[in-house]
């Protein structure tokens, strides 16, 4: 009788966890979180724009001469980083392009990393985007089969960057 109760409890826990994970996996866990960036073009192009749910606003680093420095580059790379507040298993990352103008050089050369460390002293490369692609399909959707959880997600690039949403 005790074995049946333990087996039932374990089976119930597994089913409950699976249900919670499936619901949670579709949530945009970056919404409302903290965002950091190397720079911004101006106050109208703030890093927080990538988490506002509005595809008409965007963040941009600007050029080397026009950028407003925020935290500075990391290893001479422009970056934007999301602090998820706690570790999460991530099944998908979506980086949405600016919708107002076609700038292919701002939609390529990305490296996406995950880490538990704010300084990324230990990190994993989750994906890259080397080609700009078609403007109408310029979003990067990265599906992950990661068994690792991360608190911080960072996108870096050697050239200027801009994006409207980070999901």
Foldseek 3Di string as FASTA:
>chain_A
DVVVVVVVVVVVVVVVVVVVCVVVQPDPLLAPFDKDWQWFLDPQQDLCQQRPPDLQGKTKQDAPVRTGGDPHDDVLKTKMKTFSVDWDDHFKKKFAARDPDDDLVQLAQKWKWFAQDPSPPDIDTQDHGHGQPDNVPRMDMGGDPDPGIGRMMMIIGNGMHMTRHID
